[in-house]
Protein backbone atom coordinates (compact mmCIF):
# COMPACT_ATOMS: atom_id res chain seq x y z
CA UNK A 1 76.40 -61.68 25.69
CA UNK A 2 74.32 -61.05 28.83
CA UNK A 3 76.16 -60.71 32.08
CA UNK A 4 75.76 -63.73 34.35
CA UNK A 5 75.78 -63.35 38.12
CA UNK A 6 78.71 -65.26 39.58
CA UNK A 7 78.22 -67.72 42.40
CA UNK A 8 79.83 -66.30 45.50
CA UNK A 9 78.44 -68.66 48.14
CA UNK A 10 78.91 -72.42 48.09
CA UNK A 11 75.92 -74.11 49.69
CA UNK A 12 76.08 -77.39 51.55
CA UNK A 13 74.68 -80.25 49.43
CA UNK A 14 71.51 -80.67 51.50
CA UNK A 15 70.62 -76.97 51.27
CA UNK A 16 71.50 -76.93 47.57
CA UNK A 17 69.16 -79.88 46.94
CA UNK A 18 66.42 -78.26 49.01
CA UNK A 19 66.64 -75.05 46.96
CA UNK A 20 66.64 -77.06 43.71
CA UNK A 21 63.45 -78.79 44.85
CA UNK A 22 61.84 -75.46 45.71
CA UNK A 23 62.94 -74.11 42.31
CA UNK A 24 61.53 -77.15 40.54
CA UNK A 25 58.17 -76.80 42.30
CA UNK A 26 58.06 -73.10 41.49
CA UNK A 27 58.96 -73.66 37.82
CA UNK A 28 56.27 -76.38 37.57
CA UNK A 29 53.62 -74.03 38.99
CA UNK A 30 54.74 -71.22 36.67
CA UNK A 31 54.67 -73.60 33.69
CA UNK A 32 51.14 -74.80 34.44
CA UNK A 33 49.92 -71.20 34.58
CA UNK A 34 51.90 -70.19 31.45
CA UNK A 35 50.55 -73.15 29.46
CA UNK A 36 47.05 -72.34 30.65
CA UNK A 37 47.48 -68.82 29.29
CA UNK A 38 48.74 -70.05 25.89
CA UNK A 39 46.55 -73.09 25.18
CA UNK A 40 42.87 -72.27 24.64
CA UNK A 41 40.55 -74.04 27.06
CA UNK A 42 43.30 -74.89 29.56
CA UNK A 43 42.78 -72.28 32.23
CA UNK A 44 44.95 -72.73 35.29
CA UNK A 45 44.11 -70.79 38.39
CA UNK A 46 46.00 -67.58 39.10
CA UNK A 47 46.10 -69.01 42.62
CA UNK A 48 48.87 -71.37 41.44
CA UNK A 49 50.93 -68.39 40.33
CA UNK A 50 50.32 -66.64 43.65
CA UNK A 51 51.50 -69.77 45.49
CA UNK A 52 54.66 -69.88 43.31
CA UNK A 53 55.38 -66.19 43.97
CA UNK A 54 54.94 -66.65 47.72
CA UNK A 55 57.28 -69.65 47.67
CA UNK A 56 59.88 -67.61 45.77
CA UNK A 57 59.56 -64.63 48.11
CA UNK A 58 59.85 -66.77 51.24
CA UNK A 59 62.76 -68.93 50.04
CA UNK A 60 64.90 -66.49 48.05
CA UNK A 61 66.89 -65.31 51.08
CA UNK A 62 68.08 -68.89 51.62
CA UNK A 63 69.71 -68.77 48.19
CA UNK A 64 71.34 -65.35 48.66
CA UNK A 65 74.77 -65.20 47.06
CA UNK A 66 74.46 -68.52 45.23
CA UNK A 67 73.74 -69.19 41.56
CA UNK A 68 70.23 -70.26 42.57
CA UNK A 69 69.41 -66.75 43.82
CA UNK A 70 69.33 -65.60 40.21
CA UNK A 71 66.50 -68.06 39.50
CA UNK A 72 64.34 -66.68 42.29
CA UNK A 73 64.87 -63.17 40.89
CA UNK A 74 64.24 -64.41 37.33
CA UNK A 75 60.88 -65.94 38.24
CA UNK A 76 59.78 -62.94 40.29
CA UNK A 77 60.78 -60.49 37.53
CA UNK A 78 58.95 -62.63 34.96
CA UNK A 79 55.72 -62.47 36.95
CA UNK A 80 56.14 -58.73 37.59
CA UNK A 81 56.69 -57.93 33.90
CA UNK A 82 53.85 -60.16 32.73
CA UNK A 83 51.51 -58.55 35.23
CA UNK A 84 52.50 -55.07 34.05
CA UNK A 85 52.13 -56.04 30.38
CA UNK A 86 48.71 -57.63 30.97
CA UNK A 87 47.56 -54.52 32.86
CA UNK A 88 48.79 -52.18 30.13
CA UNK A 89 47.12 -54.19 27.36
CA UNK A 90 43.87 -54.86 29.28
CA UNK A 91 42.12 -51.81 27.71
CA UNK A 92 42.53 -53.47 24.30
CA UNK A 93 40.13 -56.18 25.48
CA UNK A 94 37.55 -53.54 26.27
CA UNK A 95 37.99 -51.57 23.05
CA UNK A 96 38.98 -54.12 20.43
CA UNK A 97 38.76 -57.83 21.14
CA UNK A 98 41.14 -59.16 18.47
CA UNK A 99 44.10 -56.83 19.19
CA UNK A 100 43.66 -57.51 22.91
CA UNK A 101 43.62 -61.24 22.33
CA UNK A 102 46.72 -61.06 20.11
CA UNK A 103 48.60 -58.96 22.69
CA UNK A 104 47.75 -61.36 25.51
CA UNK A 105 48.74 -64.42 23.45
CA UNK A 106 52.12 -62.83 22.67
CA UNK A 107 52.66 -61.90 26.32
CA UNK A 108 51.71 -65.43 27.39
CA UNK A 109 54.14 -66.99 24.90
CA UNK A 110 56.90 -64.68 26.15
CA UNK A 111 56.10 -65.71 29.75
CA UNK A 112 56.25 -69.40 28.81
CA UNK A 113 59.59 -68.81 27.05
CA UNK A 114 61.05 -67.18 30.20
CA UNK A 115 59.90 -70.04 32.39
CA UNK A 116 61.27 -72.73 30.06
CA UNK A 117 64.56 -70.84 29.68
CA UNK A 118 64.91 -70.50 33.45
CA UNK A 119 64.02 -74.14 34.09
CA UNK A 120 66.52 -75.47 31.55
CA UNK A 121 69.23 -73.17 32.89
CA UNK A 122 68.55 -74.33 36.46
CA UNK A 123 68.80 -77.95 35.32
CA UNK A 124 72.26 -77.12 33.94
CA UNK A 125 73.25 -75.68 37.36
CA UNK A 126 73.82 -72.24 35.86
CA UNK A 127 72.79 -68.76 36.96
CA UNK A 128 70.35 -66.62 35.04
CA UNK A 129 71.42 -63.26 33.57
CA UNK A 130 71.38 -60.46 36.10
């Protein structure tokens, strides 16, 4: 079973709700981009993902030590890994279209899975695995 980061800081209710709202907005932006990558013809702007990453980078210190901090890290790691995987598989697009397309579809599905998993875990008021 994956290790879950324990909540060490109890946030006041107003701050907790504010961070939940920020998390919800970020998960929505990530989901729009992830769905756009999976569903043909539904291209969302990478700008939405950049906005979500900036929100996460700016707000993550406010969640330090709480269970919500794990969600900021989860989203940022998801974007980092997807970016690396897209960059590594980009040459397939240049050399062989079909393998490149298959690789990117699989990466996009994995990204969508991570976002949905994080969102549902946040809704349950639980931390993500460290």
